[in-house]
Amino acid sequence: MKDSVIDSPMAFIENQLPESCHVCLIYESEEQRQKIISEYIVEGLRRGEVVRYFTDKTSPDNIRFWLTEFGVEVSEAERNGSFAVSEADKAYCPEGKFEPQKMIDRSVNRYDQAKKAGYTGSRACGEMTWVLNGIPGSERFLEYETLLNSVTSTFPHSGMCQYDARLFDGASLFKILQIHPFMIAQGQIVRNPFYTRPEEFDAELNTNKLT
């Protein structure tokens, strides 16, 4: 695979990620989000990973522009398959409804395909505002986020879920924080002190449903 990104020092290189991680980005500033997302994607391409971006509010051309600003040869990356942008609702709900376990199964299949293709890992980044669009099953997004923490694939894989703090209420944001082992703090990926293991989170969620 042809290298389609320049080698430049960035926050995600200095603060090395684990081989596999599930990261939460809760943001209010578009400028900050743009920088973090760009660095995350660029580092994945630099490592030889296959990178997928699922967009809801941001136009694909804007994302391509961000990456171009970081020195990525976007057209080359898209041609050789190492990078792609797709609409979030179609990626998460290809049959018109959201089914968490099916999405997990598709992700694991994607890891297998990436490994066979010779990539060093798989990296995804999604704008989670799609869950506010009224798609059937979208209310199960917390279930999906929890299932992500149970994926046992040994192929290196990471995902960054973006949540706009201006659109999600405080109670939802706290639950979102609880189910991500890693979070963005001051531009760095750090272990999340609010993280709750899947079995504990599920028990707490079920208890709250009964009260």
Protein backbone atom coordinates (compact mmCIF):
# COMPACT_ATOMS: atom_id res chain seq x y z
CA MET A 1 0.00 0.00 0.00
CA LYS A 2 1.33 3.38 -0.98
CA ASP A 3 2.11 5.82 1.81
CA SER A 4 -0.36 8.70 1.41
CA VAL A 5 0.45 10.82 4.44
CA ILE A 6 3.40 12.90 5.54
CA ASP A 7 5.33 11.97 8.67
CA SER A 8 4.73 14.72 11.22
CA PRO A 9 4.73 14.84 15.05
CA MET A 10 1.21 14.89 16.52
CA ALA A 11 -0.47 14.37 19.86
CA PHE A 12 -1.57 10.84 19.03
CA ILE A 13 1.98 9.81 18.21
CA GLU A 14 3.46 11.28 21.38
CA ASN A 15 0.69 9.72 23.47
CA GLN A 16 0.72 6.21 21.97
CA LEU A 17 -2.59 4.38 21.74
CA PRO A 18 -3.04 0.78 22.84
CA GLU A 19 -3.32 -1.60 19.89
CA SER A 20 -7.08 -1.73 20.40
CA CYS A 21 -9.16 0.93 22.14
CA HIS A 22 -12.64 2.43 22.31
CA VAL A 23 -12.45 6.20 22.67
CA CYS A 24 -15.04 8.87 23.47
CA LEU A 25 -14.79 12.43 22.19
CA ILE A 26 -17.34 14.76 23.78
CA TYR A 27 -16.92 18.20 22.26
CA GLU A 28 -18.37 21.69 22.09
CA SER A 29 -15.74 23.34 19.88
CA GLU A 30 -15.71 22.53 16.17
CA GLU A 31 -12.15 23.80 15.87
CA GLN A 32 -10.94 21.42 18.58
CA ARG A 33 -12.90 18.52 17.09
CA GLN A 34 -11.41 19.11 13.66
CA LYS A 35 -7.86 18.99 15.01
CA ILE A 36 -8.41 15.88 17.13
CA ILE A 37 -10.21 13.96 14.40
CA SER A 38 -7.63 14.90 11.80
CA GLU A 39 -4.76 13.76 14.01
CA TYR A 40 -6.54 10.51 14.83
CA ILE A 41 -7.16 9.67 11.17
CA VAL A 42 -3.72 10.76 9.99
CA GLU A 43 -1.99 8.64 12.61
CA GLY A 44 -3.99 5.61 11.52
CA LEU A 45 -2.97 6.10 7.91
CA ARG A 46 0.65 6.65 8.93
CA ARG A 47 0.60 3.31 10.75
CA GLY A 48 -0.72 1.48 7.70
CA GLU A 49 -4.21 0.93 9.10
CA VAL A 50 -7.45 0.93 7.15
CA VAL A 51 -9.45 3.97 8.25
CA ARG A 52 -13.18 4.57 7.96
CA TYR A 53 -15.06 7.78 8.79
CA PHE A 54 -18.83 7.73 9.33
CA THR A 55 -20.28 11.20 8.91
CA ASP A 56 -23.64 12.65 9.91
CA LYS A 57 -23.34 16.44 10.14
CA THR A 58 -19.99 17.06 8.41
CA SER A 59 -19.77 17.00 4.62
CA PRO A 60 -17.31 14.47 3.17
CA ASP A 61 -15.55 17.30 1.32
CA ASN A 62 -14.89 19.10 4.60
CA ILE A 63 -13.33 15.98 6.05
CA ARG A 64 -11.15 15.59 2.98
CA PHE A 65 -10.08 19.22 3.32
CA TRP A 66 -9.09 18.69 6.98
CA LEU A 67 -6.88 15.79 6.01
CA THR A 68 -5.36 17.65 3.08
CA GLU A 69 -4.35 20.37 5.53
CA PHE A 70 -2.42 17.68 7.45
CA GLY A 71 -0.61 16.55 4.32
CA VAL A 72 -2.72 13.52 3.40
CA GLU A 73 -3.01 12.64 -0.28
CA VAL A 74 -6.71 11.99 0.17
CA SER A 75 -7.49 10.95 -3.40
CA GLU A 76 -4.68 8.37 -3.28
CA ALA A 77 -5.83 7.04 0.11
CA GLU A 78 -9.37 6.64 -1.20
CA ARG A 79 -8.19 5.01 -4.42
CA ASN A 80 -6.08 2.40 -2.65
CA GLY A 81 -8.84 1.72 -0.12
CA SER A 82 -6.98 2.75 3.01
CA PHE A 83 -9.45 5.59 3.69
CA ALA A 84 -13.17 6.02 3.03
CA VAL A 85 -15.96 8.34 4.14
CA SER A 86 -19.55 7.11 4.30
CA GLU A 87 -22.87 8.30 5.70
CA ALA A 88 -23.30 7.17 9.29
CA ASP A 89 -26.94 6.14 9.07
CA LYS A 90 -26.25 3.91 6.07
CA ALA A 91 -23.16 2.40 7.70
CA TYR A 92 -24.81 1.72 11.07
CA CYS A 93 -28.29 0.92 9.70
CA PRO A 94 -27.87 -0.63 6.23
CA GLU A 95 -31.31 -2.26 6.46
CA GLY A 96 -33.06 0.89 7.67
CA LYS A 97 -32.93 -0.02 11.35
CA PHE A 98 -30.21 -0.29 13.96
CA GLU A 99 -29.32 -3.73 15.29
CA PRO A 100 -26.33 -3.57 17.68
CA GLN A 101 -25.15 -7.17 17.43
CA LYS A 102 -25.30 -7.14 13.63
CA MET A 103 -23.19 -3.99 13.61
CA ILE A 104 -20.64 -5.68 15.87
CA ASP A 105 -20.54 -8.72 13.60
CA ARG A 106 -19.95 -6.52 10.56
CA SER A 107 -17.12 -4.77 12.38
CA VAL A 108 -15.40 -8.07 13.21
CA ASN A 109 -15.76 -9.16 9.58
CA ARG A 110 -14.18 -5.87 8.56
CA TYR A 111 -11.21 -6.57 10.83
CA ASP A 112 -10.75 -9.98 9.21
CA GLN A 113 -10.84 -8.47 5.73
CA ALA A 114 -8.35 -5.75 6.69
CA LYS A 115 -5.97 -8.34 8.11
CA LYS A 116 -6.15 -10.42 4.91
CA ALA A 117 -5.52 -7.27 2.85
CA GLY A 118 -2.26 -6.64 4.71
CA TYR A 119 -3.25 -3.68 6.86
CA THR A 120 -1.66 -3.30 10.28
CA GLY A 121 -4.96 -2.45 11.97
CA SER A 122 -8.45 -1.03 11.58
CA ARG A 123 -9.49 2.43 12.72
CA ALA A 124 -12.99 3.96 12.67
CA CYS A 125 -14.37 7.35 13.61
CA GLY A 126 -18.10 8.06 13.80
CA GLU A 127 -20.32 11.09 14.34
CA MET A 128 -22.92 9.74 16.76
CA THR A 129 -25.50 12.47 16.11
CA TRP A 130 -27.14 9.97 13.76
CA VAL A 131 -28.80 8.37 16.81
CA LEU A 132 -30.92 11.53 17.14
CA ASN A 133 -32.45 11.11 13.67
CA GLY A 134 -35.29 8.80 14.74
CA ILE A 135 -34.04 5.67 12.97
CA PRO A 136 -35.72 2.53 14.35
CA GLY A 137 -33.47 0.87 16.91
CA SER A 138 -31.27 3.93 17.38
CA GLU A 139 -32.37 4.12 21.02
CA ARG A 140 -30.22 0.99 21.51
CA PHE A 141 -26.97 2.85 20.84
CA LEU A 142 -25.78 2.43 24.44
CA GLU A 143 -26.14 -1.33 24.03
CA TYR A 144 -23.96 -1.15 20.94
CA GLU A 145 -21.33 0.97 22.68
CA THR A 146 -21.19 -1.58 25.51
CA LEU A 147 -20.86 -4.50 23.08
CA LEU A 148 -17.84 -2.81 21.49
CA ASN A 149 -15.97 -3.32 24.75
CA SER A 150 -16.55 -7.07 24.52
CA VAL A 151 -15.04 -7.61 21.05
CA THR A 152 -12.28 -10.19 21.39
CA SER A 153 -10.65 -9.89 17.95
CA THR A 154 -6.86 -9.92 18.28
CA PHE A 155 -6.47 -7.77 15.16
CA PRO A 156 -5.59 -4.21 16.28
CA HIS A 157 -8.71 -2.07 16.08
CA SER A 158 -9.72 1.28 17.49
CA GLY A 159 -12.82 3.42 17.31
CA MET A 160 -13.53 7.02 18.24
CA CYS A 161 -17.16 7.97 18.92
CA GLN A 162 -17.95 11.67 18.62
CA TYR A 163 -20.70 13.22 20.75
CA ASP A 164 -21.73 16.86 20.42
CA ALA A 165 -22.32 18.13 23.97
CA ARG A 166 -24.65 20.78 22.55
CA LEU A 167 -27.09 18.12 21.30
CA PHE A 168 -26.99 15.40 23.99
CA ASP A 169 -28.30 16.02 27.52
CA GLY A 170 -26.13 15.71 30.60
CA ALA A 171 -27.56 12.38 31.78
CA SER A 172 -26.94 10.80 28.38
CA LEU A 173 -23.41 12.17 28.22
CA PHE A 174 -22.56 10.67 31.61
CA LYS A 175 -23.79 7.24 30.46
CA ILE A 176 -21.77 7.68 27.28
CA LEU A 177 -18.67 8.40 29.33
CA GLN A 178 -19.25 5.32 31.47
CA ILE A 179 -19.03 2.94 28.52
CA HIS A 180 -15.81 4.22 26.93
CA PRO A 181 -12.54 2.91 28.41
CA PHE A 182 -10.67 5.87 26.91
CA MET A 183 -11.56 9.52 26.47
CA ILE A 184 -10.10 12.71 25.04
CA ALA A 185 -8.87 15.16 27.66
CA GLN A 186 -6.94 18.30 26.74
CA GLY A 187 -6.22 16.93 23.29
CA GLN A 188 -4.79 13.63 24.56
CA ILE A 189 -6.23 10.13 24.75
CA VAL A 190 -6.30 9.03 28.39
CA ARG A 191 -7.83 6.20 30.40
CA ASN A 192 -11.33 7.18 31.43
CA PRO A 193 -11.81 7.34 35.22
CA PHE A 194 -15.60 7.11 34.73
CA TYR A 195 -15.45 3.84 32.78
CA THR A 196 -17.73 1.07 34.03
CA ARG A 197 -17.19 -2.53 32.92
CA PRO A 198 -19.92 -3.85 30.55
CA GLU A 199 -21.47 -6.26 33.05
CA GLU A 200 -21.64 -3.54 35.73
CA PHE A 201 -23.06 -0.96 33.33
CA ASP A 202 -25.73 -3.39 32.08
CA ALA A 203 -26.74 -4.22 35.65
CA GLU A 204 -26.99 -0.52 36.51
CA LEU A 205 -28.97 0.22 33.35
CA ASN A 206 -31.42 -2.60 34.07
CA THR A 207 -31.84 -1.44 37.67
CA ASN A 208 -32.66 2.09 36.51
CA LYS A 209 -35.30 0.71 34.12
CA LEU A 210 -37.06 -0.95 37.04
CA THR A 211 -37.13 2.17 39.24
